[in-house]
Amino acid sequence: MSGKIIEIIRGNMFATFPEMAISTGVTERTVYRNIQKLKAQGIIKRIGPDKGGYWMITEK
C-alpha cells in the first residue's frame, strides 16, 4: 500500500487523499493512515498548506 502511494506522489506531487483512494482502491481513511506512517518514517513530507501544497519524497 505505501509503495502505491509513493508511486502516485512521484507521478503527481499535488495528489489529494480522494485521488489516492481512487487510484489504490481503498478508503480515504486508509490512505490517511498510510500517509501518517510514511511521514513518521521520514519518507515523505507535506510542503505548504493542505490546499495548494504538495508532497515531497525525502527518501533517496
PDB file of N, CA and C in Angstrom:
ATOM      1  N   MET A   1       0.815  -1.191   0.000  1.00  0.00           N
ATOM      2  CA  MET A   1       0.000   0.000   0.000  1.00  0.00           C
ATOM      3  C   MET A   1       0.864   1.263   0.000  1.00  0.00           C
ATOM      4  N   SER A   2       1.845   1.324   0.881  1.00  0.00           N
ATOM      5  CA  SER A   2       2.706   2.505   0.943  1.00  0.00           C
ATOM      6  C   SER A   2       3.456   2.703  -0.362  1.00  0.00           C
ATOM      7  N   GLY A   3       3.849   1.602  -0.997  1.00  0.00           N
ATOM      8  CA  GLY A   3       4.543   1.684  -2.279  1.00  0.00           C
ATOM      9  C   GLY A   3       3.676   2.316  -3.345  1.00  0.00           C
ATOM     10  N   LYS A   4       2.379   1.985  -3.346  1.00  0.00           N
ATOM     11  CA  LYS A   4       1.465   2.570  -4.320  1.00  0.00           C
ATOM     12  C   LYS A   4       1.318   4.071  -4.090  1.00  0.00           C
ATOM     13  N   ILE A   5       1.251   4.454  -2.828  1.00  0.00           N
ATOM     14  CA  ILE A   5       1.113   5.879  -2.504  1.00  0.00           C
ATOM     15  C   ILE A   5       2.353   6.649  -2.963  1.00  0.00           C
ATOM     16  N   ILE A   6       3.515   6.082  -2.742  1.00  0.00           N
ATOM     17  CA  ILE A   6       4.751   6.732  -3.187  1.00  0.00           C
ATOM     18  C   ILE A   6       4.767   6.860  -4.709  1.00  0.00           C
ATOM     19  N   GLU A   7       4.329   5.823  -5.412  1.00  0.00           N
ATOM     20  CA  GLU A   7       4.256   5.887  -6.886  1.00  0.00           C
ATOM     21  C   GLU A   7       3.309   6.993  -7.333  1.00  0.00           C
ATOM     22  N   ILE A   8       2.167   7.108  -6.665  1.00  0.00           N
ATOM     23  CA  ILE A   8       1.198   8.153  -7.014  1.00  0.00           C
ATOM     24  C   ILE A   8       1.818   9.529  -6.804  1.00  0.00           C
ATOM     25  N   ILE A   9       2.516   9.709  -5.688  1.00  0.00           N
ATOM     26  CA  ILE A   9       3.153  11.001  -5.397  1.00  0.00           C
ATOM     27  C   ILE A   9       4.246  11.308  -6.411  1.00  0.00           C
ATOM     28  N   ARG A  10       5.006  10.286  -6.812  1.00  0.00           N
ATOM     29  CA  ARG A  10       6.029  10.505  -7.855  1.00  0.00           C
ATOM     30  C   ARG A  10       5.400  10.986  -9.150  1.00  0.00           C
ATOM     31  N   GLY A  11       4.218  10.462  -9.471  1.00  0.00           N
ATOM     32  CA  GLY A  11       3.522  10.855 -10.700  1.00  0.00           C
ATOM     33  C   GLY A  11       2.813  12.187 -10.595  1.00  0.00           C
ATOM     34  N   ASN A  12       2.374  12.542  -9.390  1.00  0.00           N
ATOM     35  CA  ASN A  12       1.625  13.784  -9.194  1.00  0.00           C
ATOM     36  C   ASN A  12       1.836  14.262  -7.761  1.00  0.00           C
ATOM     37  N   MET A  13       2.750  15.180  -7.564  1.00  0.00           N
ATOM     38  CA  MET A  13       3.055  15.626  -6.205  1.00  0.00           C
ATOM     39  C   MET A  13       1.931  16.457  -5.595  1.00  0.00           C
ATOM     40  N   PHE A  14       0.917  16.802  -6.385  1.00  0.00           N
ATOM     41  CA  PHE A  14      -0.233  17.545  -5.885  1.00  0.00           C
ATOM     42  C   PHE A  14      -1.430  16.629  -5.612  1.00  0.00           C
ATOM     43  N   ALA A  15      -1.220  15.317  -5.610  1.00  0.00           N
ATOM     44  CA  ALA A  15      -2.301  14.347  -5.422  1.00  0.00           C
ATOM     45  C   ALA A  15      -2.995  14.557  -4.077  1.00  0.00           C
ATOM     46  N   THR A  16      -4.319  14.393  -4.088  1.00  0.00           N
ATOM     47  CA  THR A  16      -5.127  14.550  -2.877  1.00  0.00           C
ATOM     48  C   THR A  16      -5.478  13.177  -2.308  1.00  0.00           C
ATOM     49  N   PHE A  17      -5.966  13.161  -1.058  1.00  0.00           N
ATOM     50  CA  PHE A  17      -6.384  11.898  -0.450  1.00  0.00           C
ATOM     51  C   PHE A  17      -7.467  11.200  -1.284  1.00  0.00           C
ATOM     52  N   PRO A  18      -8.503  11.926  -1.757  1.00  0.00           N
ATOM     53  CA  PRO A  18      -9.517  11.249  -2.581  1.00  0.00           C
ATOM     54  C   PRO A  18      -8.935  10.643  -3.867  1.00  0.00           C
ATOM     55  N   GLU A  19      -8.013  11.358  -4.511  1.00  0.00           N
ATOM     56  CA  GLU A  19      -7.386  10.827  -5.731  1.00  0.00           C
ATOM     57  C   GLU A  19      -6.577   9.576  -5.424  1.00  0.00           C
ATOM     58  N   MET A  20      -5.839   9.601  -4.304  1.00  0.00           N
ATOM     59  CA  MET A  20      -5.047   8.434  -3.921  1.00  0.00           C
ATOM     60  C   MET A  20      -5.952   7.257  -3.577  1.00  0.00           C
ATOM     61  N   ALA A  21      -7.079   7.533  -2.925  1.00  0.00           N
ATOM     62  CA  ALA A  21      -8.012   6.474  -2.553  1.00  0.00           C
ATOM     63  C   ALA A  21      -8.590   5.798  -3.796  1.00  0.00           C
ATOM     64  N   ILE A  22      -8.946   6.582  -4.781  1.00  0.00           N
ATOM     65  CA  ILE A  22      -9.489   6.031  -6.019  1.00  0.00           C
ATOM     66  C   ILE A  22      -8.428   5.209  -6.744  1.00  0.00           C
ATOM     67  N   SER A  23      -7.214   5.724  -6.816  1.00  0.00           N
ATOM     68  CA  SER A  23      -6.131   5.038  -7.523  1.00  0.00           C
ATOM     69  C   SER A  23      -5.732   3.725  -6.859  1.00  0.00           C
ATOM     70  N   THR A  24      -5.821   3.676  -5.534  1.00  0.00           N
ATOM     71  CA  THR A  24      -5.400   2.471  -4.817  1.00  0.00           C
ATOM     72  C   THR A  24      -6.559   1.532  -4.514  1.00  0.00           C
ATOM     73  N   GLY A  25      -7.788   2.026  -4.612  1.00  0.00           N
ATOM     74  CA  GLY A  25      -8.953   1.190  -4.360  1.00  0.00           C
ATOM     75  C   GLY A  25      -9.245   0.990  -2.876  1.00  0.00           C
ATOM     76  N   VAL A  26      -8.797   1.918  -2.040  1.00  0.00           N
ATOM     77  CA  VAL A  26      -9.077   1.842  -0.603  1.00  0.00           C
ATOM     78  C   VAL A  26      -9.766   3.132  -0.170  1.00  0.00           C
ATOM     79  N   THR A  27     -10.133   3.208   1.112  1.00  0.00           N
ATOM     80  CA  THR A  27     -10.817   4.409   1.605  1.00  0.00           C
ATOM     81  C   THR A  27      -9.818   5.543   1.855  1.00  0.00           C
ATOM     82  N   GLU A  28     -10.357   6.746   1.936  1.00  0.00           N
ATOM     83  CA  GLU A  28      -9.518   7.903   2.236  1.00  0.00           C
ATOM     84  C   GLU A  28      -8.872   7.755   3.610  1.00  0.00           C
ATOM     85  N   ARG A  29      -9.591   7.154   4.550  1.00  0.00           N
ATOM     86  CA  ARG A  29      -9.057   6.952   5.899  1.00  0.00           C
ATOM     87  C   ARG A  29      -7.822   6.044   5.864  1.00  0.00           C
ATOM     88  N   THR A  30      -7.871   4.999   5.041  1.00  0.00           N
ATOM     89  CA  THR A  30      -6.730   4.094   4.903  1.00  0.00           C
ATOM     90  C   THR A  30      -5.546   4.832   4.290  1.00  0.00           C
ATOM     91  N   VAL A  31      -5.808   5.656   3.298  1.00  0.00           N
ATOM     92  CA  VAL A  31      -4.748   6.469   2.688  1.00  0.00           C
ATOM     93  C   VAL A  31      -4.151   7.391   3.749  1.00  0.00           C
ATOM     94  N   TYR A  32      -5.004   8.036   4.529  1.00  0.00           N
ATOM     95  CA  TYR A  32      -4.544   8.954   5.573  1.00  0.00           C
ATOM     96  C   TYR A  32      -3.619   8.238   6.561  1.00  0.00           C
ATOM     97  N   ARG A  33      -4.023   7.049   7.017  1.00  0.00           N
ATOM     98  CA  ARG A  33      -3.195   6.284   7.965  1.00  0.00           C
ATOM     99  C   ARG A  33      -1.838   5.939   7.352  1.00  0.00           C
ATOM    100  N   ASN A  34      -1.829   5.536   6.099  1.00  0.00           N
ATOM    101  CA  ASN A  34      -0.572   5.191   5.439  1.00  0.00           C
ATOM    102  C   ASN A  34       0.307   6.418   5.234  1.00  0.00           C
ATOM    103  N   ILE A  35      -0.294   7.547   4.909  1.00  0.00           N
ATOM    104  CA  ILE A  35       0.457   8.799   4.767  1.00  0.00           C
ATOM    105  C   ILE A  35       1.101   9.160   6.103  1.00  0.00           C
ATOM    106  N   GLN A  36       0.359   9.010   7.198  1.00  0.00           N
ATOM    107  CA  GLN A  36       0.902   9.314   8.524  1.00  0.00           C
ATOM    108  C   GLN A  36       2.115   8.438   8.833  1.00  0.00           C
ATOM    109  N   LYS A  37       2.042   7.159   8.470  1.00  0.00           N
ATOM    110  CA  LYS A  37       3.168   6.248   8.693  1.00  0.00           C
ATOM    111  C   LYS A  37       4.379   6.675   7.865  1.00  0.00           C
ATOM    112  N   LEU A  38       4.148   7.016   6.602  1.00  0.00           N
ATOM    113  CA  LEU A  38       5.244   7.445   5.734  1.00  0.00           C
ATOM    114  C   LEU A  38       5.882   8.739   6.249  1.00  0.00           C
ATOM    115  N   LYS A  39       5.055   9.661   6.752  1.00  0.00           N
ATOM    116  CA  LYS A  39       5.584  10.903   7.304  1.00  0.00           C
ATOM    117  C   LYS A  39       6.392  10.623   8.570  1.00  0.00           C
ATOM    118  N   ALA A  40       5.910   9.731   9.427  1.00  0.00           N
ATOM    119  CA  ALA A  40       6.614   9.394  10.666  1.00  0.00           C
ATOM    120  C   ALA A  40       7.962   8.737  10.384  1.00  0.00           C
ATOM    121  N   GLN A  41       8.034   7.979   9.290  1.00  0.00           N
ATOM    122  CA  GLN A  41       9.277   7.313   8.903  1.00  0.00           C
ATOM    123  C   GLN A  41      10.225   8.261   8.171  1.00  0.00           C
ATOM    124  N   GLY A  42       9.757   9.464   7.853  1.00  0.00           N
ATOM    125  CA  GLY A  42      10.592  10.440   7.164  1.00  0.00           C
ATOM    126  C   GLY A  42      10.725  10.188   5.673  1.00  0.00           C
ATOM    127  N   ILE A  43       9.814   9.405   5.107  1.00  0.00           N
ATOM    128  CA  ILE A  43       9.889   9.070   3.682  1.00  0.00           C
ATOM    129  C   ILE A  43       9.272  10.178   2.825  1.00  0.00           C
ATOM    130  N   ILE A  44       8.189  10.770   3.325  1.00  0.00           N
ATOM    131  CA  ILE A  44       7.548  11.878   2.607  1.00  0.00           C
ATOM    132  C   ILE A  44       7.267  13.001   3.590  1.00  0.00           C
ATOM    133  N   LYS A  45       7.035  14.188   3.040  1.00  0.00           N
ATOM    134  CA  LYS A  45       6.575  15.290   3.876  1.00  0.00           C
ATOM    135  C   LYS A  45       5.728  16.224   3.033  1.00  0.00           C
ATOM    136  N   ARG A  46       4.885  16.955   3.711  1.00  0.00           N
ATOM    137  CA  ARG A  46       3.987  17.891   3.058  1.00  0.00           C
ATOM    138  C   ARG A  46       4.628  19.265   3.068  1.00  0.00           C
ATOM    139  N   ILE A  47       4.674  19.902   1.913  1.00  0.00           N
ATOM    140  CA  ILE A  47       5.210  21.248   1.770  1.00  0.00           C
ATOM    141  C   ILE A  47       4.027  22.173   1.494  1.00  0.00           C
ATOM    142  N   GLY A  48       3.852  23.165   2.331  1.00  0.00           N
ATOM    143  CA  GLY A  48       2.757  24.113   2.135  1.00  0.00           C
ATOM    144  C   GLY A  48       1.477  23.667   2.811  1.00  0.00           C
ATOM    145  N   PRO A  49       0.405  24.415   2.597  1.00  0.00           N
ATOM    146  CA  PRO A  49      -0.871  24.128   3.249  1.00  0.00           C
ATOM    147  C   PRO A  49      -1.588  22.929   2.628  1.00  0.00           C
ATOM    148  N   ASP A  50      -2.679  22.506   3.282  1.00  0.00           N
ATOM    149  CA  ASP A  50      -3.470  21.388   2.757  1.00  0.00           C
ATOM    150  C   ASP A  50      -3.987  21.699   1.349  1.00  0.00           C
ATOM    151  N   LYS A  51      -4.453  22.905   1.161  1.00  0.00           N
ATOM    152  CA  LYS A  51      -4.892  23.313  -0.175  1.00  0.00           C
ATOM    153  C   LYS A  51      -3.777  24.121  -0.804  1.00  0.00           C
ATOM    154  N   GLY A  52      -3.288  23.675  -1.934  1.00  0.00           N
ATOM    155  CA  GLY A  52      -2.247  24.411  -2.631  1.00  0.00           C
ATOM    156  C   GLY A  52      -0.849  23.899  -2.340  1.00  0.00           C
ATOM    157  N   GLY A  53      -0.700  23.008  -1.374  1.00  0.00           N
ATOM    158  CA  GLY A  53       0.605  22.449  -1.061  1.00  0.00           C
ATOM    159  C   GLY A  53       0.909  21.237  -1.940  1.00  0.00           C
ATOM    160  N   TYR A  54       2.025  20.590  -1.668  1.00  0.00           N
ATOM    161  CA  TYR A  54       2.392  19.404  -2.440  1.00  0.00           C
ATOM    162  C   TYR A  54       3.188  18.438  -1.572  1.00  0.00           C
ATOM    163  N   TRP A  55       3.331  17.220  -2.049  1.00  0.00           N
ATOM    164  CA  TRP A  55       4.079  16.165  -1.358  1.00  0.00           C
ATOM    165  C   TRP A  55       5.505  16.125  -1.871  1.00  0.00           C
ATOM    166  N   MET A  56       6.447  15.893  -0.971  1.00  0.00           N
ATOM    167  CA  MET A  56       7.837  15.740  -1.364  1.00  0.00           C
ATOM    168  C   MET A  56       8.343  14.414  -0.818  1.00  0.00           C
ATOM    169  N   ILE A  57       8.963  13.621  -1.682  1.00  0.00           N
ATOM    170  CA  ILE A  57       9.545  12.361  -1.254  1.00  0.00           C
ATOM    171  C   ILE A  57      10.983  12.669  -0.799  1.00  0.00           C
ATOM    172  N   THR A  58      11.265  12.388   0.470  1.00  0.00           N
ATOM    173  CA  THR A  58      12.573  12.709   1.031  1.00  0.00           C
ATOM    174  C   THR A  58      13.511  11.518   0.985  1.00  0.00           C
ATOM    175  N   GLU A  59      12.949  10.334   0.775  1.00  0.00           N
ATOM    176  CA  GLU A  59      13.763   9.109   0.695  1.00  0.00           C
ATOM    177  C   GLU A  59      14.544   9.081  -0.607  1.00  0.00           C
ATOM    178  N   LYS A  60      15.787   8.641  -0.543  1.00  0.00           N
ATOM    179  CA  LYS A  60      16.604   8.577  -1.768  1.00  0.00           C
ATOM    180  C   LYS A  60      16.588   7.201  -2.341  1.00  0.00           C
TER     181      LYS A  60
END
